[in-house]
Amino acid sequence: MSLYDIPLTTLDGEPTSLGDHAGRALLLVNVASRCGMTPQYAGLERLQETYAERGLTVIGFPCNQFGGQEPGTAEEIQTFCATTYGVTFPMMDKVEVNGADQHALFAELTRVADAEGTAGDVGWNFEKWLIAPSGEPVARFRSRVEPESDEVVRAIEGALPGPAA
């Protein structure tokens, strides 16, 4: 099954899939509103603003599996992201990224190795996966890797379908 075919639900409750973003580079991130890494939302939004016209879409996946740091309802999450960080990128419904109730998308994403060659369970909030416009995962960045770090930016620029500015 392609990553594009896995059913998703938006934070607004609408059915969707990554296929709706086919042909674009995607940065998928498991997010949380009450985490020490929550300020990464600002960098993710700047990436969205900087690279959207060249073919990048950041997509957030709220998850409450790490320290209960995303306890809110869909409406609370949406309000927090919009008012605190000005998030304009798509947000999906809350998912489980590990364990027995792991979402099918994360069952696939956890097979992707990080820069050290380690695949497996999501370790914490704000792990990031870069998906090429073809729908293939090309990179995985652990939680402590900032969205605007050189390694993330280089990977995004290498995956973009659009011409350089």
N, C-alpha and C. Protein backbone atom coordinates (compact mmCIF):
# COMPACT_ATOMS: atom_id res chain seq x y z
N MET A 1 0.84 -1.18 0.00
CA MET A 1 0.00 0.00 0.00
C MET A 1 0.90 1.25 0.00
N SER A 2 0.55 2.20 -0.82
CA SER A 2 1.27 3.47 -0.88
C SER A 2 0.88 4.34 0.32
N LEU A 3 1.81 5.16 0.77
CA LEU A 3 1.47 6.13 1.83
C LEU A 3 0.30 7.00 1.39
N TYR A 4 0.20 7.25 0.10
CA TYR A 4 -0.88 8.08 -0.44
C TYR A 4 -2.26 7.47 -0.25
N ASP A 5 -2.32 6.15 -0.09
CA ASP A 5 -3.61 5.45 -0.02
C ASP A 5 -4.15 5.28 1.39
N ILE A 6 -3.36 5.58 2.40
CA ILE A 6 -3.78 5.34 3.78
C ILE A 6 -4.81 6.40 4.19
N PRO A 7 -5.98 5.97 4.63
CA PRO A 7 -7.01 6.93 5.02
C PRO A 7 -6.59 7.74 6.25
N LEU A 8 -6.85 9.04 6.18
CA LEU A 8 -6.59 9.96 7.27
C LEU A 8 -7.85 10.77 7.53
N THR A 9 -7.86 11.46 8.68
CA THR A 9 -8.95 12.36 9.02
C THR A 9 -8.33 13.68 9.46
N THR A 10 -8.85 14.77 8.92
CA THR A 10 -8.34 16.09 9.32
C THR A 10 -8.80 16.41 10.73
N LEU A 11 -8.19 17.42 11.31
CA LEU A 11 -8.58 17.86 12.65
C LEU A 11 -10.02 18.34 12.66
N ASP A 12 -10.52 18.74 11.49
CA ASP A 12 -11.91 19.17 11.36
C ASP A 12 -12.87 18.00 11.15
N GLY A 13 -12.32 16.76 11.13
CA GLY A 13 -13.17 15.57 10.99
C GLY A 13 -13.44 15.15 9.56
N GLU A 14 -12.75 15.75 8.59
CA GLU A 14 -12.98 15.41 7.18
C GLU A 14 -12.04 14.29 6.74
N PRO A 15 -12.56 13.34 5.94
CA PRO A 15 -11.69 12.29 5.42
C PRO A 15 -10.72 12.86 4.40
N THR A 16 -9.50 12.35 4.41
CA THR A 16 -8.47 12.81 3.49
C THR A 16 -7.42 11.71 3.37
N SER A 17 -6.36 12.00 2.65
CA SER A 17 -5.21 11.10 2.57
C SER A 17 -4.02 11.93 2.11
N LEU A 18 -2.85 11.36 2.21
CA LEU A 18 -1.66 12.05 1.70
C LEU A 18 -1.75 12.18 0.19
N GLY A 19 -2.55 11.34 -0.45
CA GLY A 19 -2.76 11.42 -1.89
C GLY A 19 -3.28 12.78 -2.32
N ASP A 20 -3.96 13.48 -1.41
CA ASP A 20 -4.44 14.83 -1.71
C ASP A 20 -3.27 15.80 -1.91
N HIS A 21 -2.08 15.39 -1.51
CA HIS A 21 -0.87 16.23 -1.62
C HIS A 21 0.15 15.61 -2.58
N ALA A 22 -0.29 14.65 -3.40
CA ALA A 22 0.62 13.98 -4.34
C ALA A 22 1.33 15.01 -5.20
N GLY A 23 2.62 14.74 -5.46
CA GLY A 23 3.42 15.64 -6.27
C GLY A 23 4.11 16.73 -5.47
N ARG A 24 3.87 16.77 -4.17
CA ARG A 24 4.51 17.74 -3.29
C ARG A 24 5.44 17.00 -2.33
N ALA A 25 6.46 17.67 -1.85
CA ALA A 25 7.26 17.14 -0.75
C ALA A 25 6.45 17.35 0.52
N LEU A 26 6.45 16.37 1.40
CA LEU A 26 5.68 16.46 2.64
C LEU A 26 6.61 16.30 3.83
N LEU A 27 6.40 17.11 4.85
CA LEU A 27 7.10 16.95 6.12
C LEU A 27 6.04 16.59 7.15
N LEU A 28 6.02 15.31 7.54
CA LEU A 28 5.03 14.79 8.48
C LEU A 28 5.63 14.84 9.88
N VAL A 29 4.85 15.35 10.84
CA VAL A 29 5.38 15.56 12.19
C VAL A 29 4.34 15.14 13.22
N ASN A 30 4.75 14.30 14.19
CA ASN A 30 3.84 14.03 15.31
C ASN A 30 4.03 15.16 16.32
N VAL A 31 2.96 15.84 16.64
CA VAL A 31 3.02 17.08 17.41
C VAL A 31 2.27 16.97 18.74
N ALA A 32 2.56 17.90 19.65
CA ALA A 32 1.87 17.99 20.94
C ALA A 32 1.92 19.43 21.43
N SER A 33 0.86 19.85 22.07
CA SER A 33 0.73 21.24 22.50
C SER A 33 1.38 21.56 23.84
N ARG A 34 1.67 20.55 24.63
CA ARG A 34 2.19 20.79 25.98
C ARG A 34 3.53 20.11 26.22
N CYS A 35 4.38 20.18 25.23
CA CYS A 35 5.68 19.51 25.26
C CYS A 35 6.77 20.58 25.30
N GLY A 36 7.90 20.23 25.88
CA GLY A 36 9.03 21.14 25.86
C GLY A 36 9.49 21.47 24.44
N MET A 37 9.10 20.63 23.48
CA MET A 37 9.48 20.86 22.09
C MET A 37 8.39 21.56 21.29
N THR A 38 7.28 21.91 21.94
CA THR A 38 6.17 22.57 21.26
C THR A 38 6.60 23.83 20.50
N PRO A 39 7.60 24.60 20.97
CA PRO A 39 8.03 25.75 20.17
C PRO A 39 8.51 25.40 18.76
N GLN A 40 8.73 24.11 18.47
CA GLN A 40 9.08 23.71 17.11
C GLN A 40 7.97 24.05 16.12
N TYR A 41 6.74 24.24 16.62
CA TYR A 41 5.65 24.68 15.74
C TYR A 41 6.05 25.93 14.96
N ALA A 42 6.76 26.86 15.61
CA ALA A 42 7.15 28.11 14.95
C ALA A 42 8.06 27.82 13.76
N GLY A 43 9.05 26.95 13.94
CA GLY A 43 9.94 26.59 12.84
C GLY A 43 9.21 25.83 11.74
N LEU A 44 8.29 24.96 12.12
CA LEU A 44 7.51 24.23 11.12
C LEU A 44 6.68 25.19 10.29
N GLU A 45 6.08 26.18 10.93
CA GLU A 45 5.28 27.17 10.20
C GLU A 45 6.16 28.00 9.27
N ARG A 46 7.37 28.35 9.73
CA ARG A 46 8.28 29.10 8.85
C ARG A 46 8.68 28.27 7.63
N LEU A 47 8.90 26.97 7.83
CA LEU A 47 9.19 26.09 6.68
C LEU A 47 8.01 26.09 5.71
N GLN A 48 6.81 25.99 6.25
CA GLN A 48 5.61 25.99 5.40
C GLN A 48 5.55 27.29 4.60
N GLU A 49 5.77 28.41 5.25
CA GLU A 49 5.69 29.71 4.57
C GLU A 49 6.81 29.86 3.54
N THR A 50 8.01 29.39 3.87
CA THR A 50 9.17 29.55 2.99
C THR A 50 9.08 28.67 1.75
N TYR A 51 8.62 27.45 1.92
CA TYR A 51 8.72 26.47 0.84
C TYR A 51 7.39 26.05 0.20
N ALA A 52 6.27 26.56 0.67
CA ALA A 52 4.97 26.12 0.12
C ALA A 52 4.88 26.35 -1.39
N GLU A 53 5.33 27.51 -1.85
CA GLU A 53 5.23 27.81 -3.28
C GLU A 53 6.14 26.93 -4.12
N ARG A 54 7.16 26.35 -3.51
CA ARG A 54 8.07 25.46 -4.23
C ARG A 54 7.66 23.99 -4.08
N GLY A 55 6.56 23.74 -3.36
CA GLY A 55 6.04 22.38 -3.34
C GLY A 55 6.16 21.62 -2.04
N LEU A 56 6.33 22.31 -0.90
CA LEU A 56 6.36 21.63 0.41
C LEU A 56 5.04 21.84 1.14
N THR A 57 4.57 20.77 1.77
CA THR A 57 3.47 20.88 2.71
C THR A 57 3.88 20.20 4.01
N VAL A 58 3.83 20.95 5.11
CA VAL A 58 4.02 20.39 6.44
C VAL A 58 2.66 19.87 6.89
N ILE A 59 2.63 18.71 7.53
CA ILE A 59 1.37 18.16 8.04
C ILE A 59 1.61 17.69 9.47
N GLY A 60 0.78 18.19 10.39
CA GLY A 60 0.89 17.83 11.80
C GLY A 60 -0.08 16.72 12.18
N PHE A 61 0.43 15.81 13.03
CA PHE A 61 -0.36 14.69 13.54
C PHE A 61 -0.32 14.73 15.07
N PRO A 62 -1.30 15.35 15.72
CA PRO A 62 -1.30 15.39 17.19
C PRO A 62 -1.31 13.98 17.77
N CYS A 63 -0.57 13.84 18.87
CA CYS A 63 -0.45 12.54 19.53
C CYS A 63 -0.34 12.76 21.03
N ASN A 64 -1.08 11.99 21.79
CA ASN A 64 -1.10 12.12 23.26
C ASN A 64 -0.37 10.96 23.95
N GLN A 65 0.47 10.23 23.22
CA GLN A 65 1.11 9.05 23.77
C GLN A 65 2.36 9.33 24.61
N PHE A 66 2.89 10.52 24.55
CA PHE A 66 4.14 10.83 25.24
C PHE A 66 3.86 11.81 26.38
N GLY A 67 3.75 11.29 27.58
CA GLY A 67 3.54 12.13 28.75
C GLY A 67 2.20 12.84 28.77
N GLY A 68 1.23 12.37 27.99
CA GLY A 68 -0.09 13.01 27.97
C GLY A 68 -0.01 14.48 27.57
N GLN A 69 0.88 14.80 26.64
CA GLN A 69 1.15 16.19 26.31
C GLN A 69 0.27 16.77 25.20
N GLU A 70 -0.71 16.00 24.75
CA GLU A 70 -1.70 16.50 23.80
C GLU A 70 -3.08 16.03 24.23
N PRO A 71 -3.55 16.52 25.41
CA PRO A 71 -4.82 16.04 25.95
C PRO A 71 -6.05 16.70 25.34
N GLY A 72 -5.88 17.77 24.57
CA GLY A 72 -7.01 18.58 24.11
C GLY A 72 -7.89 17.91 23.08
N THR A 73 -9.05 18.54 22.90
CA THR A 73 -9.97 18.14 21.84
C THR A 73 -9.44 18.70 20.53
N ALA A 74 -10.02 18.26 19.44
CA ALA A 74 -9.63 18.77 18.12
C ALA A 74 -9.76 20.29 18.08
N GLU A 75 -10.84 20.82 18.60
CA GLU A 75 -11.05 22.28 18.60
C GLU A 75 -9.99 22.99 19.45
N GLU A 76 -9.67 22.42 20.61
CA GLU A 76 -8.64 23.04 21.47
C GLU A 76 -7.27 23.02 20.79
N ILE A 77 -6.96 21.93 20.12
CA ILE A 77 -5.68 21.83 19.42
C ILE A 77 -5.62 22.87 18.30
N GLN A 78 -6.69 22.94 17.52
CA GLN A 78 -6.76 23.89 16.40
C GLN A 78 -6.59 25.33 16.90
N THR A 79 -7.29 25.67 17.96
CA THR A 79 -7.22 27.02 18.51
C THR A 79 -5.82 27.33 19.03
N PHE A 80 -5.24 26.38 19.77
CA PHE A 80 -3.89 26.58 20.30
C PHE A 80 -2.89 26.82 19.17
N CYS A 81 -2.92 25.97 18.16
CA CYS A 81 -1.95 26.07 17.06
C CYS A 81 -2.11 27.38 16.30
N ALA A 82 -3.34 27.78 16.05
CA ALA A 82 -3.58 29.00 15.29
C ALA A 82 -3.23 30.25 16.09
N THR A 83 -3.63 30.29 17.35
CA THR A 83 -3.42 31.52 18.12
C THR A 83 -2.01 31.63 18.69
N THR A 84 -1.39 30.53 19.04
CA THR A 84 -0.06 30.58 19.65
C THR A 84 1.05 30.62 18.61
N TYR A 85 0.90 29.86 17.54
CA TYR A 85 1.98 29.75 16.55
C TYR A 85 1.58 30.14 15.14
N GLY A 86 0.35 30.57 14.93
CA GLY A 86 -0.10 30.97 13.60
C GLY A 86 -0.03 29.86 12.58
N VAL A 87 -0.25 28.64 13.02
CA VAL A 87 -0.14 27.47 12.14
C VAL A 87 -1.16 27.55 11.00
N THR A 88 -0.65 27.44 9.78
CA THR A 88 -1.52 27.42 8.61
C THR A 88 -1.46 26.08 7.89
N PHE A 89 -0.49 25.23 8.25
CA PHE A 89 -0.37 23.94 7.57
C PHE A 89 -1.45 22.99 8.05
N PRO A 90 -1.76 21.96 7.25
CA PRO A 90 -2.81 21.00 7.62
C PRO A 90 -2.49 20.25 8.91
N MET A 91 -3.52 20.05 9.69
CA MET A 91 -3.42 19.26 10.92
C MET A 91 -4.42 18.11 10.81
N MET A 92 -3.95 16.93 11.17
CA MET A 92 -4.80 15.75 11.15
C MET A 92 -5.38 15.50 12.53
N ASP A 93 -6.32 14.57 12.59
CA ASP A 93 -6.92 14.17 13.85
C ASP A 93 -5.86 13.48 14.71
N LYS A 94 -6.09 13.48 16.00
CA LYS A 94 -5.15 12.86 16.94
C LYS A 94 -4.99 11.37 16.60
N VAL A 95 -3.73 10.90 16.62
CA VAL A 95 -3.43 9.51 16.29
C VAL A 95 -2.51 8.90 17.33
N GLU A 96 -2.42 7.59 17.29
CA GLU A 96 -1.41 6.88 18.08
C GLU A 96 -0.31 6.49 17.11
N VAL A 97 0.93 6.77 17.49
CA VAL A 97 2.07 6.54 16.60
C VAL A 97 2.83 5.26 16.94
N ASN A 98 2.55 4.68 18.09
CA ASN A 98 3.18 3.43 18.54
C ASN A 98 2.10 2.53 19.14
N GLY A 99 2.46 1.27 19.33
CA GLY A 99 1.60 0.36 20.10
C GLY A 99 0.50 -0.32 19.31
N ALA A 100 -0.37 -0.98 20.06
CA ALA A 100 -1.42 -1.82 19.48
C ALA A 100 -2.39 -1.02 18.61
N ASP A 101 -2.62 0.24 18.95
CA ASP A 101 -3.55 1.07 18.19
C ASP A 101 -2.83 2.04 17.24
N GLN A 102 -1.58 1.70 16.88
CA GLN A 102 -0.79 2.53 15.99
C GLN A 102 -1.53 2.77 14.67
N HIS A 103 -1.58 4.03 14.27
CA HIS A 103 -2.20 4.37 12.99
C HIS A 103 -1.41 3.73 11.85
N ALA A 104 -2.10 3.30 10.81
CA ALA A 104 -1.47 2.62 9.68
C ALA A 104 -0.36 3.46 9.04
N LEU A 105 -0.51 4.77 9.01
CA LEU A 105 0.54 5.61 8.44
C LEU A 105 1.83 5.48 9.24
N PHE A 106 1.70 5.49 10.56
CA PHE A 106 2.90 5.40 11.40
C PHE A 106 3.47 3.99 11.44
N ALA A 107 2.65 2.99 11.15
CA ALA A 107 3.18 1.63 11.00
C ALA A 107 4.17 1.61 9.83
N GLU A 108 3.88 2.38 8.80
CA GLU A 108 4.79 2.48 7.65
C GLU A 108 5.97 3.40 7.97
N LEU A 109 5.70 4.54 8.57
CA LEU A 109 6.76 5.52 8.82
C LEU A 109 7.81 5.01 9.80
N THR A 110 7.41 4.19 10.76
CA THR A 110 8.38 3.69 11.74
C THR A 110 9.36 2.69 11.12
N ARG A 111 9.12 2.27 9.89
CA ARG A 111 10.08 1.42 9.16
C ARG A 111 11.23 2.24 8.58
N VAL A 112 11.07 3.56 8.56
CA VAL A 112 12.08 4.45 7.98
C VAL A 112 13.17 4.69 9.02
N ALA A 113 14.41 4.55 8.59
CA ALA A 113 15.55 4.78 9.49
C ALA A 113 15.92 6.25 9.54
N ASP A 114 16.46 6.67 10.68
CA ASP A 114 16.96 8.03 10.84
C ASP A 114 18.39 8.11 10.32
N ALA A 115 19.06 9.23 10.53
CA ALA A 115 20.42 9.44 10.01
C ALA A 115 21.42 8.43 10.57
N GLU A 116 21.15 7.89 11.76
CA GLU A 116 22.04 6.88 12.35
C GLU A 116 21.70 5.47 11.91
N GLY A 117 20.68 5.33 11.05
CA GLY A 117 20.30 4.02 10.57
C GLY A 117 19.32 3.27 11.46
N THR A 118 18.70 3.99 12.41
CA THR A 118 17.79 3.36 13.35
C THR A 118 16.34 3.61 12.95
N ALA A 119 15.60 2.53 12.76
CA ALA A 119 14.16 2.60 12.49
C ALA A 119 13.45 2.24 13.79
N GLY A 120 12.17 1.99 13.73
CA GLY A 120 11.43 1.54 14.91
C GLY A 120 10.53 2.62 15.49
N ASP A 121 10.05 2.33 16.69
CA ASP A 121 9.06 3.19 17.33
C ASP A 121 9.45 4.65 17.35
N VAL A 122 8.42 5.49 17.34
CA VAL A 122 8.59 6.93 17.52
C VAL A 122 9.05 7.13 18.96
N GLY A 123 10.10 7.91 19.16
CA GLY A 123 10.67 8.09 20.48
C GLY A 123 10.02 9.16 21.32
N TRP A 124 9.48 10.20 20.68
CA TRP A 124 8.87 11.32 21.42
C TRP A 124 8.13 12.21 20.44
N ASN A 125 7.52 13.25 20.95
CA ASN A 125 6.83 14.23 20.11
C ASN A 125 7.82 14.92 19.18
N PHE A 126 7.32 15.37 18.05
CA PHE A 126 8.05 16.17 17.07
C PHE A 126 9.12 15.41 16.30
N GLU A 127 8.89 14.10 16.10
CA GLU A 127 9.69 13.40 15.09
C GLU A 127 9.14 13.83 13.74
N LYS A 128 10.03 13.83 12.73
CA LYS A 128 9.68 14.35 11.42
C LYS A 128 10.10 13.35 10.34
N TRP A 129 9.25 13.21 9.32
CA TRP A 129 9.54 12.36 8.16
C TRP A 129 9.36 13.20 6.91
N LEU A 130 10.35 13.18 6.05
CA LEU A 130 10.25 13.87 4.77
C LEU A 130 9.86 12.86 3.71
N ILE A 131 8.81 13.19 2.98
CA ILE A 131 8.28 12.32 1.93
C ILE A 131 8.50 13.03 0.59
N ALA A 132 9.10 12.33 -0.35
CA ALA A 132 9.35 12.88 -1.68
C ALA A 132 8.03 13.07 -2.43
N PRO A 133 8.03 13.91 -3.47
CA PRO A 133 6.81 14.09 -4.27
C PRO A 133 6.27 12.79 -4.86
N SER A 134 7.11 11.77 -4.98
CA SER A 134 6.68 10.45 -5.49
C SER A 134 5.92 9.64 -4.44
N GLY A 135 5.96 10.11 -3.19
CA GLY A 135 5.29 9.39 -2.10
C GLY A 135 6.21 8.49 -1.30
N GLU A 136 7.49 8.49 -1.62
CA GLU A 136 8.46 7.65 -0.92
C GLU A 136 9.12 8.41 0.22
N PRO A 137 9.24 7.81 1.41
CA PRO A 137 9.97 8.46 2.50
C PRO A 137 11.45 8.60 2.14
N VAL A 138 12.01 9.78 2.40
CA VAL A 138 13.42 10.00 2.08
C VAL A 138 14.28 10.33 3.30
N ALA A 139 13.66 10.71 4.40
CA ALA A 139 14.45 11.04 5.60
C ALA A 139 13.55 11.00 6.83
N ARG A 140 14.19 10.70 7.96
CA ARG A 140 13.53 10.72 9.26
C ARG A 140 14.43 11.51 10.20
N PHE A 141 13.82 12.43 10.93
CA PHE A 141 14.55 13.28 11.87
C PHE A 141 13.94 13.10 13.25
N ARG A 142 14.76 12.82 14.22
CA ARG A 142 14.28 12.62 15.58
C ARG A 142 13.85 13.95 16.20
N SER A 143 13.22 13.86 17.34
CA SER A 143 12.58 15.00 18.00
C SER A 143 13.49 16.19 18.25
N ARG A 144 14.72 15.92 18.63
CA ARG A 144 15.63 17.02 18.98
C ARG A 144 16.19 17.76 17.77
N VAL A 145 15.97 17.24 16.59
CA VAL A 145 16.41 17.92 15.37
C VAL A 145 15.41 19.04 15.08
N GLU A 146 15.88 20.27 15.14
CA GLU A 146 15.01 21.43 14.92
C GLU A 146 14.54 21.48 13.47
N PRO A 147 13.30 21.93 13.25
CA PRO A 147 12.77 21.98 11.89
C PRO A 147 13.62 22.79 10.92
N GLU A 148 14.24 23.85 11.40
CA GLU A 148 15.03 24.71 10.51
C GLU A 148 16.53 24.41 10.56
N SER A 149 16.89 23.24 11.09
CA SER A 149 18.30 22.85 11.13
C SER A 149 18.82 22.67 9.70
N ASP A 150 20.12 22.78 9.54
CA ASP A 150 20.72 22.62 8.21
C ASP A 150 20.36 21.29 7.58
N GLU A 151 20.36 20.21 8.39
CA GLU A 151 20.10 18.90 7.80
C GLU A 151 18.67 18.77 7.29
N VAL A 152 17.71 19.35 8.00
CA VAL A 152 16.31 19.30 7.55
C VAL A 152 16.14 20.18 6.31
N VAL A 153 16.66 21.38 6.35
CA VAL A 153 16.52 22.30 5.22
C VAL A 153 17.18 21.73 3.96
N ARG A 154 18.37 21.16 4.09
CA ARG A 154 19.04 20.54 2.94
C ARG A 154 18.19 19.41 2.36
N ALA A 155 17.64 18.58 3.23
CA ALA A 155 16.81 17.46 2.77
C ALA A 155 15.55 17.97 2.06
N ILE A 156 14.91 18.99 2.64
CA ILE A 156 13.71 19.57 2.01
C ILE A 156 14.07 20.12 0.64
N GLU A 157 15.13 20.92 0.58
CA GLU A 157 15.50 21.53 -0.70
C GLU A 157 15.83 20.47 -1.75
N GLY A 158 16.39 19.34 -1.33
CA GLY A 158 16.67 18.26 -2.25
C GLY A 158 15.44 17.51 -2.72
N ALA A 159 14.37 17.62 -1.96
CA ALA A 159 13.14 16.88 -2.29
C ALA A 159 12.09 17.72 -3.00
N LEU A 160 12.24 19.03 -3.01
CA LEU A 160 11.22 19.90 -3.59
C LEU A 160 11.04 19.67 -5.09
N PRO A 161 9.79 19.69 -5.54
CA PRO A 161 9.55 19.52 -6.97
C PRO A 161 9.73 20.82 -7.74
N GLY A 162 9.59 21.98 -7.06
CA GLY A 162 9.63 23.26 -7.74
C GLY A 162 11.03 23.81 -7.90
N PRO A 163 11.19 24.81 -8.79
CA PRO A 163 12.51 25.41 -9.01
C PRO A 163 12.96 26.26 -7.82
N ALA A 164 14.26 26.40 -7.69
CA ALA A 164 14.82 27.25 -6.62
C ALA A 164 14.42 28.68 -6.84
N ALA A 165 14.30 29.42 -5.76
CA ALA A 165 13.90 30.83 -5.85
C ALA A 165 15.03 31.66 -6.41
